[in-house]
Structures are given as C-alpha cells and as structure tokens.
Amino acid sequence: DALIWNFGDNKPQLNEYKSFKEMPSQTPISIAMSKELKRHGFKFVGPTTCYSLMQSCGLVIDHLYDTPEWRAARDRIEARYTHDPEVQMPPSKKQKKSYGIQGS
C-alpha cells in the first residue's frame, strides 16, 4: 500500500483534461512504478497497466474537467487535505522516497 501510494505523493492527483484525447495511457510516474514493481518481482505490470492501477486506486483522477464527477472529486480532496485539521497533509516531495521520479 505504501509503495503504491508513494507514487501518488500520498494524495490523489486531480487532472484537468478537457477531452478524452488528452488523457494519457501512461505517464513518467507509471513508468517509474512499473520499473519499481518489476524490481520487486511483479510480472505483467507495464506502464499502461500501472496507470490503470493508479486510476482505479484513486492516485490519479481523470474525470473530464469541470464535470459533476470532477467537481465532486475536487471537493473530496479539498475536504480531506485542506479543511480537516485531524488529517495530516501528505509529505512534501523532498521528504518522500523518490523511486527515481523526477517531478510529477
């Protein structure tokens, strides 16, 4: 769990794609995740499969920008990470283990 969520910076990434054509099938982060999982002995975990995993687990949210689903996701993320004093903010990129990821 921690290994996978570390690639999401321990917080969901809400993307702002305006069309399905803009949505990638893989990203630099899913490529890094694929390499790391393979290093741990996993099989059949290519970058596209990893990006799909990231979507299904909520690491990335790819609802089209400004749709009801996108706004609901934004509200959930804001409520969890900015308005609730009991919830700690995720660690900064400088504090997390890198796994070879440069930026995001």
N, C-alpha and C. Protein backbone atom coordinates (compact mmCIF):
# COMPACT_ATOMS: atom_id res chain seq x y z
N ASP A 1 0.83 -1.19 0.00
CA ASP A 1 0.00 0.00 0.00
C ASP A 1 0.87 1.26 0.00
N ALA A 2 1.85 1.30 0.91
CA ALA A 2 2.72 2.48 0.99
C ALA A 2 3.54 2.64 -0.28
N LEU A 3 4.00 1.53 -0.83
CA LEU A 3 4.79 1.60 -2.06
C LEU A 3 3.98 2.22 -3.19
N ILE A 4 2.76 1.76 -3.37
CA ILE A 4 1.91 2.28 -4.45
C ILE A 4 1.56 3.74 -4.20
N TRP A 5 1.12 4.08 -2.99
CA TRP A 5 0.70 5.46 -2.72
C TRP A 5 1.85 6.44 -2.73
N ASN A 6 3.07 5.95 -2.51
CA ASN A 6 4.21 6.84 -2.59
C ASN A 6 4.33 7.45 -3.99
N PHE A 7 3.92 6.70 -5.00
CA PHE A 7 3.96 7.22 -6.36
C PHE A 7 2.89 8.28 -6.59
N GLY A 8 1.87 8.33 -5.75
CA GLY A 8 0.84 9.35 -5.85
C GLY A 8 1.08 10.50 -4.90
N ASP A 9 2.27 10.59 -4.35
CA ASP A 9 2.61 11.64 -3.39
C ASP A 9 1.68 11.59 -2.18
N ASN A 10 1.12 10.41 -1.91
CA ASN A 10 0.22 10.19 -0.78
C ASN A 10 -1.02 11.07 -0.82
N LYS A 11 -1.35 11.56 -1.98
CA LYS A 11 -2.55 12.39 -2.17
C LYS A 11 -3.00 12.21 -3.62
N PRO A 12 -4.31 12.10 -3.87
CA PRO A 12 -4.78 11.96 -5.25
C PRO A 12 -4.39 13.14 -6.12
N GLN A 13 -4.08 12.85 -7.36
CA GLN A 13 -3.78 13.89 -8.34
C GLN A 13 -5.02 14.10 -9.20
N LEU A 14 -5.61 15.27 -9.09
CA LEU A 14 -6.80 15.60 -9.87
C LEU A 14 -6.37 16.27 -11.16
N ASN A 15 -6.51 15.56 -12.27
CA ASN A 15 -6.11 16.09 -13.57
C ASN A 15 -7.22 16.97 -14.14
N GLU A 16 -6.86 17.79 -15.11
CA GLU A 16 -7.81 18.74 -15.70
C GLU A 16 -7.90 18.56 -17.21
N TYR A 17 -8.11 17.32 -17.64
CA TYR A 17 -8.23 17.05 -19.07
C TYR A 17 -9.60 17.52 -19.55
N LYS A 18 -9.59 18.18 -20.70
CA LYS A 18 -10.85 18.69 -21.26
C LYS A 18 -11.44 17.76 -22.31
N SER A 19 -10.66 16.75 -22.74
CA SER A 19 -11.18 15.76 -23.68
C SER A 19 -10.49 14.43 -23.43
N PHE A 20 -11.12 13.36 -23.88
CA PHE A 20 -10.54 12.04 -23.71
C PHE A 20 -9.23 11.91 -24.49
N LYS A 21 -9.10 12.65 -25.56
CA LYS A 21 -7.88 12.59 -26.37
C LYS A 21 -6.66 13.08 -25.60
N GLU A 22 -6.86 13.94 -24.62
CA GLU A 22 -5.75 14.47 -23.82
C GLU A 22 -5.25 13.45 -22.79
N MET A 23 -6.08 12.49 -22.41
CA MET A 23 -5.74 11.55 -21.35
C MET A 23 -4.67 10.57 -21.83
N PRO A 24 -3.60 10.45 -21.05
CA PRO A 24 -2.53 9.52 -21.44
C PRO A 24 -2.87 8.09 -21.06
N SER A 25 -2.19 7.16 -21.69
CA SER A 25 -2.32 5.76 -21.29
C SER A 25 -1.19 5.37 -20.34
N GLN A 26 -0.17 6.21 -20.29
CA GLN A 26 0.92 6.02 -19.34
C GLN A 26 1.57 7.37 -19.09
N THR A 27 2.29 7.47 -17.98
CA THR A 27 2.95 8.72 -17.60
C THR A 27 4.35 8.38 -17.10
N PRO A 28 5.19 9.38 -16.91
CA PRO A 28 6.50 9.10 -16.32
C PRO A 28 6.39 8.42 -14.95
N ILE A 29 5.36 8.77 -14.19
CA ILE A 29 5.18 8.13 -12.89
C ILE A 29 4.78 6.67 -13.05
N SER A 30 3.89 6.35 -14.00
CA SER A 30 3.50 4.94 -14.19
C SER A 30 4.67 4.13 -14.74
N ILE A 31 5.54 4.76 -15.51
CA ILE A 31 6.74 4.07 -15.99
C ILE A 31 7.67 3.75 -14.82
N ALA A 32 7.86 4.73 -13.92
CA ALA A 32 8.69 4.51 -12.74
C ALA A 32 8.08 3.43 -11.84
N MET A 33 6.75 3.46 -11.68
CA MET A 33 6.06 2.46 -10.86
C MET A 33 6.27 1.08 -11.45
N SER A 34 6.14 0.96 -12.76
CA SER A 34 6.32 -0.31 -13.43
C SER A 34 7.72 -0.87 -13.16
N LYS A 35 8.72 -0.03 -13.30
CA LYS A 35 10.10 -0.47 -13.05
C LYS A 35 10.29 -0.91 -11.61
N GLU A 36 9.72 -0.15 -10.68
CA GLU A 36 9.87 -0.49 -9.26
C GLU A 36 9.16 -1.79 -8.92
N LEU A 37 7.96 -1.99 -9.43
CA LEU A 37 7.23 -3.23 -9.17
C LEU A 37 7.96 -4.43 -9.78
N LYS A 38 8.49 -4.26 -10.97
CA LYS A 38 9.26 -5.35 -11.58
C LYS A 38 10.50 -5.65 -10.74
N ARG A 39 11.12 -4.63 -10.20
CA ARG A 39 12.29 -4.82 -9.34
C ARG A 39 11.93 -5.64 -8.10
N HIS A 40 10.69 -5.51 -7.66
CA HIS A 40 10.20 -6.27 -6.51
C HIS A 40 9.67 -7.65 -6.91
N GLY A 41 9.79 -8.02 -8.18
CA GLY A 41 9.41 -9.35 -8.62
C GLY A 41 8.03 -9.48 -9.24
N PHE A 42 7.31 -8.38 -9.40
CA PHE A 42 5.99 -8.43 -10.02
C PHE A 42 6.14 -8.67 -11.53
N LYS A 43 5.16 -9.34 -12.10
CA LYS A 43 5.14 -9.60 -13.54
C LYS A 43 3.91 -8.92 -14.15
N PHE A 44 3.94 -8.68 -15.44
CA PHE A 44 2.80 -8.10 -16.17
C PHE A 44 2.36 -6.77 -15.59
N VAL A 45 3.30 -5.94 -15.27
CA VAL A 45 3.00 -4.61 -14.73
C VAL A 45 3.69 -3.55 -15.57
N GLY A 46 3.27 -3.44 -16.82
CA GLY A 46 3.81 -2.41 -17.70
C GLY A 46 3.26 -1.05 -17.32
N PRO A 47 3.77 0.00 -17.94
CA PRO A 47 3.35 1.37 -17.61
C PRO A 47 1.85 1.63 -17.81
N THR A 48 1.26 1.03 -18.84
CA THR A 48 -0.18 1.25 -19.06
C THR A 48 -0.99 0.56 -17.97
N THR A 49 -0.60 -0.65 -17.62
CA THR A 49 -1.28 -1.36 -16.52
C THR A 49 -1.13 -0.58 -15.22
N CYS A 50 0.06 -0.04 -14.99
CA CYS A 50 0.28 0.74 -13.76
C CYS A 50 -0.57 2.01 -13.75
N TYR A 51 -0.71 2.66 -14.91
CA TYR A 51 -1.55 3.87 -14.95
C TYR A 51 -3.01 3.51 -14.67
N SER A 52 -3.44 2.38 -15.20
CA SER A 52 -4.80 1.91 -14.93
C SER A 52 -4.97 1.62 -13.43
N LEU A 53 -3.96 1.03 -12.82
CA LEU A 53 -3.99 0.79 -11.37
C LEU A 53 -4.08 2.12 -10.63
N MET A 54 -3.30 3.08 -11.06
CA MET A 54 -3.34 4.39 -10.42
C MET A 54 -4.72 5.02 -10.51
N GLN A 55 -5.39 4.85 -11.65
CA GLN A 55 -6.75 5.37 -11.81
C GLN A 55 -7.72 4.62 -10.89
N SER A 56 -7.64 3.30 -10.90
CA SER A 56 -8.62 2.51 -10.14
C SER A 56 -8.45 2.67 -8.64
N CYS A 57 -7.23 2.93 -8.17
CA CYS A 57 -6.98 3.11 -6.74
C CYS A 57 -7.16 4.56 -6.29
N GLY A 58 -7.38 5.46 -7.24
CA GLY A 58 -7.60 6.86 -6.88
C GLY A 58 -6.35 7.69 -6.73
N LEU A 59 -5.21 7.19 -7.20
CA LEU A 59 -4.00 8.01 -7.18
C LEU A 59 -4.10 9.14 -8.18
N VAL A 60 -4.71 8.87 -9.32
CA VAL A 60 -4.99 9.90 -10.31
C VAL A 60 -6.49 9.88 -10.61
N ILE A 61 -7.05 11.03 -10.79
CA ILE A 61 -8.47 11.15 -11.09
C ILE A 61 -8.57 11.82 -12.45
N ASP A 62 -9.11 11.08 -13.40
CA ASP A 62 -9.15 11.54 -14.78
C ASP A 62 -10.55 11.84 -15.29
N HIS A 63 -11.46 12.24 -14.42
CA HIS A 63 -12.76 12.69 -14.91
C HIS A 63 -12.52 13.95 -15.74
N LEU A 64 -13.31 14.15 -16.76
CA LEU A 64 -13.15 15.36 -17.57
C LEU A 64 -13.35 16.60 -16.71
N TYR A 65 -12.55 17.60 -16.99
CA TYR A 65 -12.53 18.84 -16.22
C TYR A 65 -13.91 19.49 -16.15
N ASP A 66 -14.26 19.89 -14.94
CA ASP A 66 -15.46 20.66 -14.63
C ASP A 66 -16.76 19.89 -14.86
N THR A 67 -16.70 18.57 -14.92
CA THR A 67 -17.92 17.76 -14.95
C THR A 67 -18.38 17.56 -13.50
N PRO A 68 -19.61 17.10 -13.28
CA PRO A 68 -20.04 16.85 -11.90
C PRO A 68 -19.12 15.88 -11.16
N GLU A 69 -18.60 14.87 -11.86
CA GLU A 69 -17.71 13.91 -11.23
C GLU A 69 -16.38 14.56 -10.85
N TRP A 70 -15.86 15.41 -11.71
CA TRP A 70 -14.60 16.10 -11.43
C TRP A 70 -14.76 17.04 -10.23
N ARG A 71 -15.88 17.79 -10.21
CA ARG A 71 -16.11 18.71 -9.09
C ARG A 71 -16.29 17.96 -7.78
N ALA A 72 -16.97 16.82 -7.81
CA ALA A 72 -17.14 16.01 -6.60
C ALA A 72 -15.79 15.50 -6.10
N ALA A 73 -14.94 15.06 -7.02
CA ALA A 73 -13.60 14.59 -6.64
C ALA A 73 -12.79 15.74 -6.04
N ARG A 74 -12.86 16.91 -6.66
CA ARG A 74 -12.15 18.09 -6.14
C ARG A 74 -12.60 18.42 -4.73
N ASP A 75 -13.92 18.37 -4.51
CA ASP A 75 -14.45 18.69 -3.19
C ASP A 75 -14.00 17.67 -2.14
N ARG A 76 -13.97 16.39 -2.52
CA ARG A 76 -13.50 15.35 -1.57
C ARG A 76 -12.02 15.56 -1.23
N ILE A 77 -11.22 15.86 -2.23
CA ILE A 77 -9.79 16.07 -1.99
C ILE A 77 -9.57 17.30 -1.11
N GLU A 78 -10.25 18.39 -1.43
CA GLU A 78 -10.10 19.61 -0.63
C GLU A 78 -10.54 19.38 0.81
N ALA A 79 -11.65 18.68 0.99
CA ALA A 79 -12.15 18.43 2.34
C ALA A 79 -11.16 17.58 3.14
N ARG A 80 -10.59 16.62 2.49
CA ARG A 80 -9.68 15.72 3.21
C ARG A 80 -8.33 16.35 3.50
N TYR A 81 -7.80 17.11 2.57
CA TYR A 81 -6.43 17.58 2.72
C TYR A 81 -6.28 19.04 3.10
N THR A 82 -7.35 19.82 3.12
CA THR A 82 -7.19 21.22 3.47
C THR A 82 -8.10 21.70 4.59
N HIS A 83 -9.26 21.09 4.77
CA HIS A 83 -10.22 21.62 5.74
C HIS A 83 -10.28 20.81 7.03
N ASP A 84 -9.79 19.61 7.05
CA ASP A 84 -9.90 18.76 8.23
C ASP A 84 -8.60 18.82 9.02
N PRO A 85 -8.60 19.48 10.19
CA PRO A 85 -7.36 19.61 10.96
C PRO A 85 -6.85 18.27 11.50
N GLU A 86 -7.71 17.26 11.54
CA GLU A 86 -7.29 15.94 12.03
C GLU A 86 -6.50 15.17 10.98
N VAL A 87 -6.62 15.56 9.72
CA VAL A 87 -5.93 14.85 8.64
C VAL A 87 -4.63 15.57 8.36
N GLN A 88 -3.54 14.83 8.40
CA GLN A 88 -2.24 15.43 8.11
C GLN A 88 -2.06 15.56 6.61
N MET A 89 -1.44 16.64 6.21
CA MET A 89 -1.12 16.83 4.81
C MET A 89 -0.07 15.81 4.41
N PRO A 90 -0.07 15.39 3.16
CA PRO A 90 0.95 14.43 2.72
C PRO A 90 2.33 15.05 2.81
N PRO A 91 3.37 14.20 2.90
CA PRO A 91 4.72 14.74 2.98
C PRO A 91 5.10 15.45 1.69
N SER A 92 6.01 16.38 1.81
CA SER A 92 6.46 17.07 0.60
C SER A 92 7.31 16.13 -0.23
N LYS A 93 7.54 16.48 -1.47
CA LYS A 93 8.34 15.64 -2.35
C LYS A 93 9.76 15.49 -1.84
N LYS A 94 10.24 16.48 -1.10
CA LYS A 94 11.60 16.39 -0.55
C LYS A 94 11.68 15.35 0.56
N GLN A 95 10.56 15.07 1.23
CA GLN A 95 10.55 14.14 2.35
C GLN A 95 10.31 12.71 1.92
N LYS A 96 9.66 12.48 0.79
CA LYS A 96 9.31 11.13 0.39
C LYS A 96 10.46 10.42 -0.31
N LYS A 97 10.41 9.10 -0.30
CA LYS A 97 11.39 8.33 -1.04
C LYS A 97 11.09 8.49 -2.52
N SER A 98 12.11 8.69 -3.31
CA SER A 98 11.94 9.11 -4.69
C SER A 98 11.56 8.01 -5.65
N TYR A 99 12.12 6.84 -5.57
CA TYR A 99 11.92 5.76 -6.54
C TYR A 99 12.24 6.24 -7.94
N GLY A 100 13.16 7.18 -8.07
CA GLY A 100 13.60 7.62 -9.40
C GLY A 100 12.66 8.57 -10.09
N ILE A 101 11.67 9.11 -9.39
CA ILE A 101 10.70 10.02 -10.02
C ILE A 101 11.25 11.43 -9.95
N GLN A 102 11.25 12.10 -11.06
CA GLN A 102 11.66 13.50 -11.12
C GLN A 102 10.40 14.33 -11.37
N GLY A 103 9.99 15.10 -10.39
CA GLY A 103 8.79 15.93 -10.55
C GLY A 103 7.55 15.09 -10.65
N SER A 104 6.45 15.70 -11.02
CA SER A 104 5.21 14.96 -11.26
C SER A 104 4.22 15.79 -11.98
